[in-house]
Structure formats: C-alpha cells, structure tokens
C-alpha cells in the first residue's frame, strides 16, 4: 500500500499532477475540496455539520474534516493506496491522519511538495482566474493571503514529515511533463 500526501501552494500544480499520479500508480485520489463539496451538495450528516461553520464564516474543525476523510477511505477498502490532496494542512491533521492510518495497519509512505516561487504562482493563478471563474484566483491580494496562510499553517508539515524521513520536494515549475517526470523519479523509488 502506497499512501502519498501531495501538497504545495495554490497554483503549484497539485490538481494537474494528482490526475497523473492516480492513473500511473493506480491510487485512489482523495481531494479534501471534492470531499467537502460532495458532503455539502448531498446534504450528508457531515455536510450539514460543516455547513453550520461555513455559514458563520468559520473554518470547519479538524475533527469534522478528518471524519469526512475517514469515510472516503472506508469507501475504498481494496485500493492499492491513496493520494491525499489538500490534506493534511496542519500538523494536528497530520497526527490525526497518522493515527487513523495506524488503525488500518497503514502509514503515509511519502509526502511530496510541489515547490515554486510565489511570484510565478501569483501570475499562474491570475491567468487561471481568467477561465476558472474562481474569485480567489482573480484577486492578487486574496492569492497572497492564501500563501500567507499556507506559510503559517501548512509549511510546518515540512519539518513534521522530514522528522519521519518522508518528505520530498519537487520543483513545480516547468512543462507539465517535466514536473511529472520529477515526481515519478521519487515515487518509483518508494
């Protein structure tokens, strides 16, 4: 079982590379954003609980996010592994993921971070915003706020996973195929 955590700043190419990785390595892709949208759209019990926080403009608590993620894992008992995209975002979430995977006799195999210069990513997101329709991709201040939040909350995961010898950084700048090749070199060694 190969379980990969894929992270990087908004615009680093996670979604694009996740599509490649799930196909090449036959992994079940779990995107936190997709899981949230599914639960909210379908009015699941977890979705209703999350909606209460969202309606107040608050972040959904870790415990609720983790429960949604656990439910997704449970739906795929025969998978060859998981690709966690957008989760964990904090050290507390990483601890919770580790504890949950232990109950299954699994562990995070590797964490791969797509790294790129902020200025390159800002331009990439502004360009994406022209066609994505996402308001948070069209406002440079919002983009920079997302990067600040990433630096404060997600960047500590680097040290967390380095401490487990499971952290790998990949240059996320270049042609899609070049980044894909860099990722493959790491994953093929796992």
Protein backbone atom coordinates (compact mmCIF):
# COMPACT_ATOMS: atom_id res chain seq x y z
CA UNK A 1 0.00 0.00 0.00
CA UNK A 2 1.39 3.35 -1.09
CA UNK A 3 -0.10 6.43 0.58
CA UNK A 4 1.13 9.76 -0.71
CA UNK A 5 0.41 13.21 0.65
CA UNK A 6 0.66 15.81 -2.13
CA UNK A 7 0.93 19.42 -1.12
CA UNK A 8 2.06 22.79 -2.32
CA UNK A 9 0.84 26.34 -2.54
CA UNK A 10 -2.25 27.18 -4.58
CA UNK A 11 -1.30 27.14 -8.25
CA UNK A 12 1.66 24.79 -7.78
CA UNK A 13 0.03 22.14 -9.97
CA UNK A 14 -1.34 19.69 -7.39
CA UNK A 15 -4.57 19.01 -9.25
CA UNK A 16 -2.82 18.53 -12.57
CA UNK A 17 -0.21 16.19 -11.11
CA UNK A 18 -2.76 14.31 -8.98
CA UNK A 19 -4.53 13.22 -12.18
CA UNK A 20 -1.28 11.76 -13.48
CA UNK A 21 -0.30 10.09 -10.21
CA UNK A 22 -3.63 8.39 -9.62
CA UNK A 23 -3.57 6.88 -13.10
CA UNK A 24 0.07 5.85 -13.23
CA UNK A 25 0.19 4.33 -9.73
CA UNK A 26 -3.44 3.18 -9.52
CA UNK A 27 -4.11 5.28 -6.40
CA UNK A 28 -7.41 6.46 -5.01
CA UNK A 29 -7.36 10.25 -5.16
CA UNK A 30 -8.91 11.99 -2.17
CA UNK A 31 -9.18 15.73 -2.62
CA UNK A 32 -10.37 17.49 0.51
CA UNK A 33 -12.15 20.09 -1.61
CA UNK A 34 -14.02 17.39 -3.55
CA UNK A 35 -14.96 15.60 -0.32
CA UNK A 36 -16.33 18.84 1.16
CA UNK A 37 -18.29 19.66 -2.00
CA UNK A 38 -19.78 16.14 -2.13
CA UNK A 39 -20.92 16.22 1.51
CA UNK A 40 -22.34 19.74 1.22
CA UNK A 41 -24.12 19.11 -2.09
CA UNK A 42 -25.63 15.83 -0.96
CA UNK A 43 -26.68 17.09 2.45
CA UNK A 44 -24.95 14.28 4.31
CA UNK A 45 -24.92 14.46 8.11
CA UNK A 46 -21.27 15.55 7.98
CA UNK A 47 -22.11 18.08 5.27
CA UNK A 48 -24.87 19.58 7.40
CA UNK A 49 -22.50 19.86 10.35
CA UNK A 50 -19.86 21.53 8.16
CA UNK A 51 -22.42 23.94 6.70
CA UNK A 52 -23.07 25.39 10.17
CA UNK A 53 -19.43 26.51 10.40
CA UNK A 54 -19.25 27.66 6.79
CA UNK A 55 -22.40 29.76 7.21
CA UNK A 56 -20.73 31.55 10.13
CA UNK A 57 -17.61 32.18 8.01
CA UNK A 58 -15.60 29.85 10.22
CA UNK A 59 -13.19 27.08 9.31
CA UNK A 60 -14.60 23.59 9.58
CA UNK A 61 -12.99 21.97 12.66
CA UNK A 62 -10.28 19.36 12.13
CA UNK A 63 -12.36 16.62 13.75
CA UNK A 64 -15.14 17.05 11.19
CA UNK A 65 -12.73 17.28 8.25
CA UNK A 66 -10.96 14.14 9.44
CA UNK A 67 -14.27 12.26 9.79
CA UNK A 68 -15.14 13.12 6.17
CA UNK A 69 -11.72 11.89 5.06
CA UNK A 70 -12.07 8.67 7.06
CA UNK A 71 -15.43 7.99 5.40
CA UNK A 72 -13.80 8.36 1.97
CA UNK A 73 -11.02 5.95 2.91
CA UNK A 74 -13.61 3.43 4.18
CA UNK A 75 -15.36 3.54 0.78
CA UNK A 76 -12.20 2.14 -0.88
CA UNK A 77 -11.14 -0.96 1.09
CA UNK A 78 -9.46 -2.67 -1.88
CA UNK A 79 -7.34 0.24 -3.09
CA UNK A 80 -3.63 -0.08 -3.80
CA UNK A 81 -3.10 3.20 -1.99
CA UNK A 82 -4.30 6.75 -1.52
CA UNK A 83 -3.23 10.10 -2.86
CA UNK A 84 -4.20 12.71 -0.28
CA UNK A 85 -4.58 16.10 -1.97
CA UNK A 86 -5.18 19.12 0.26
CA UNK A 87 -4.94 17.12 3.46
CA UNK A 88 -3.34 17.31 5.91
CA UNK A 89 -2.93 21.07 6.08
CA UNK A 90 -1.71 21.31 9.65
CA UNK A 91 0.46 19.25 11.98
CA UNK A 92 -2.64 18.40 14.05
CA UNK A 93 -4.29 16.98 10.92
CA UNK A 94 -1.10 15.05 10.06
CA UNK A 95 -1.12 13.49 13.53
CA UNK A 96 -4.77 12.55 13.13
CA UNK A 97 -4.11 11.04 9.69
CA UNK A 98 -1.20 9.01 11.07
CA UNK A 99 -3.35 7.71 13.93
CA UNK A 100 -6.22 6.81 11.61
CA UNK A 101 -3.95 5.00 9.13
CA UNK A 102 -2.39 3.04 12.01
CA UNK A 103 -5.82 1.63 12.83
CA UNK A 104 -5.78 0.13 9.33
CA UNK A 105 -2.18 -1.10 9.58
CA UNK A 106 -1.13 1.56 7.05
CA UNK A 107 1.05 4.66 7.09
CA UNK A 108 1.91 7.67 4.98
CA UNK A 109 4.57 6.41 2.58
CA UNK A 110 5.79 9.81 1.42
CA UNK A 111 4.90 13.47 1.32
CA UNK A 112 5.69 15.27 -1.90
CA UNK A 113 5.65 19.06 -2.04
CA UNK A 114 5.43 20.87 -5.35
CA UNK A 115 7.57 23.94 -4.81
CA UNK A 116 7.53 27.15 -6.81
CA UNK A 117 8.33 30.83 -6.41
CA UNK A 118 5.40 32.91 -5.14
CA UNK A 119 5.66 35.44 -7.95
CA UNK A 120 5.44 32.72 -10.59
CA UNK A 121 2.45 31.19 -8.81
CA UNK A 122 0.63 34.52 -8.44
CA UNK A 123 0.85 35.03 -12.20
CA UNK A 124 -0.21 31.42 -12.81
CA UNK A 125 -3.31 31.84 -10.62
CA UNK A 126 -4.25 35.20 -12.11
CA UNK A 127 -4.08 33.56 -15.53
CA UNK A 128 -6.15 30.59 -14.30
CA UNK A 129 -8.65 33.03 -12.81
CA UNK A 130 -9.48 34.34 -16.28
CA UNK A 131 -11.12 31.00 -17.11
CA UNK A 132 -11.75 29.23 -13.78
CA UNK A 133 -14.43 31.60 -12.55
CA UNK A 134 -12.94 31.33 -9.06
CA UNK A 135 -12.94 34.72 -7.33
CA UNK A 136 -9.97 33.69 -5.20
CA UNK A 137 -7.91 33.22 -8.39
CA UNK A 138 -8.73 36.70 -9.68
CA UNK A 139 -7.63 38.91 -6.79
CA UNK A 140 -3.91 39.21 -6.15
CA UNK A 141 -4.47 40.18 -2.51
CA UNK A 142 -6.57 37.07 -1.91
CA UNK A 143 -3.90 34.93 -3.56
CA UNK A 144 -1.18 36.42 -1.36
CA UNK A 145 -3.36 35.89 1.74
CA UNK A 146 -3.70 32.22 0.78
CA UNK A 147 0.10 31.98 0.56
CA UNK A 148 0.48 33.60 3.98
CA UNK A 149 -1.96 31.08 5.46
CA UNK A 150 -0.04 28.28 3.75
CA UNK A 151 3.26 29.53 5.20
CA UNK A 152 1.80 29.76 8.69
CA UNK A 153 -0.21 26.54 8.83
CA UNK A 154 0.98 24.14 6.15
CA UNK A 155 4.71 24.80 5.88
CA UNK A 156 5.32 23.29 9.37
CA UNK A 157 4.34 19.96 7.80
CA UNK A 158 7.69 20.00 6.04
CA UNK A 159 9.51 19.59 9.35
CA UNK A 160 6.92 17.09 10.57
CA UNK A 161 7.47 14.79 7.59
CA UNK A 162 11.23 15.43 7.45
CA UNK A 163 11.32 14.11 11.01
CA UNK A 164 9.83 10.87 9.66
CA UNK A 165 12.15 10.80 6.61
CA UNK A 166 9.07 11.01 4.39
CA UNK A 167 9.42 14.48 2.86
CA UNK A 168 10.39 15.08 -0.76
CA UNK A 169 10.43 18.44 -2.55
CA UNK A 170 9.85 18.67 -6.28
CA UNK A 171 10.36 21.74 -8.44
CA UNK A 172 6.85 22.55 -9.67
CA UNK A 173 7.98 24.98 -12.38
CA UNK A 174 8.33 23.85 -15.97
CA UNK A 175 6.34 21.91 -18.50
CA UNK A 176 3.73 19.58 -17.00
CA UNK A 177 5.58 16.56 -18.37
CA UNK A 178 8.84 17.73 -16.77
CA UNK A 179 7.20 18.05 -13.35
CA UNK A 180 5.54 14.67 -13.83
CA UNK A 181 8.92 13.11 -14.59
CA UNK A 182 10.42 14.63 -11.42
CA UNK A 183 7.56 13.20 -9.36
CA UNK A 184 7.92 9.77 -10.95
CA UNK A 185 11.61 9.61 -10.07
CA UNK A 186 10.71 9.94 -6.41
CA UNK A 187 7.65 7.70 -6.33
CA UNK A 188 9.32 4.91 -8.30
CA UNK A 189 11.90 4.62 -5.50
CA UNK A 190 9.30 4.16 -2.73
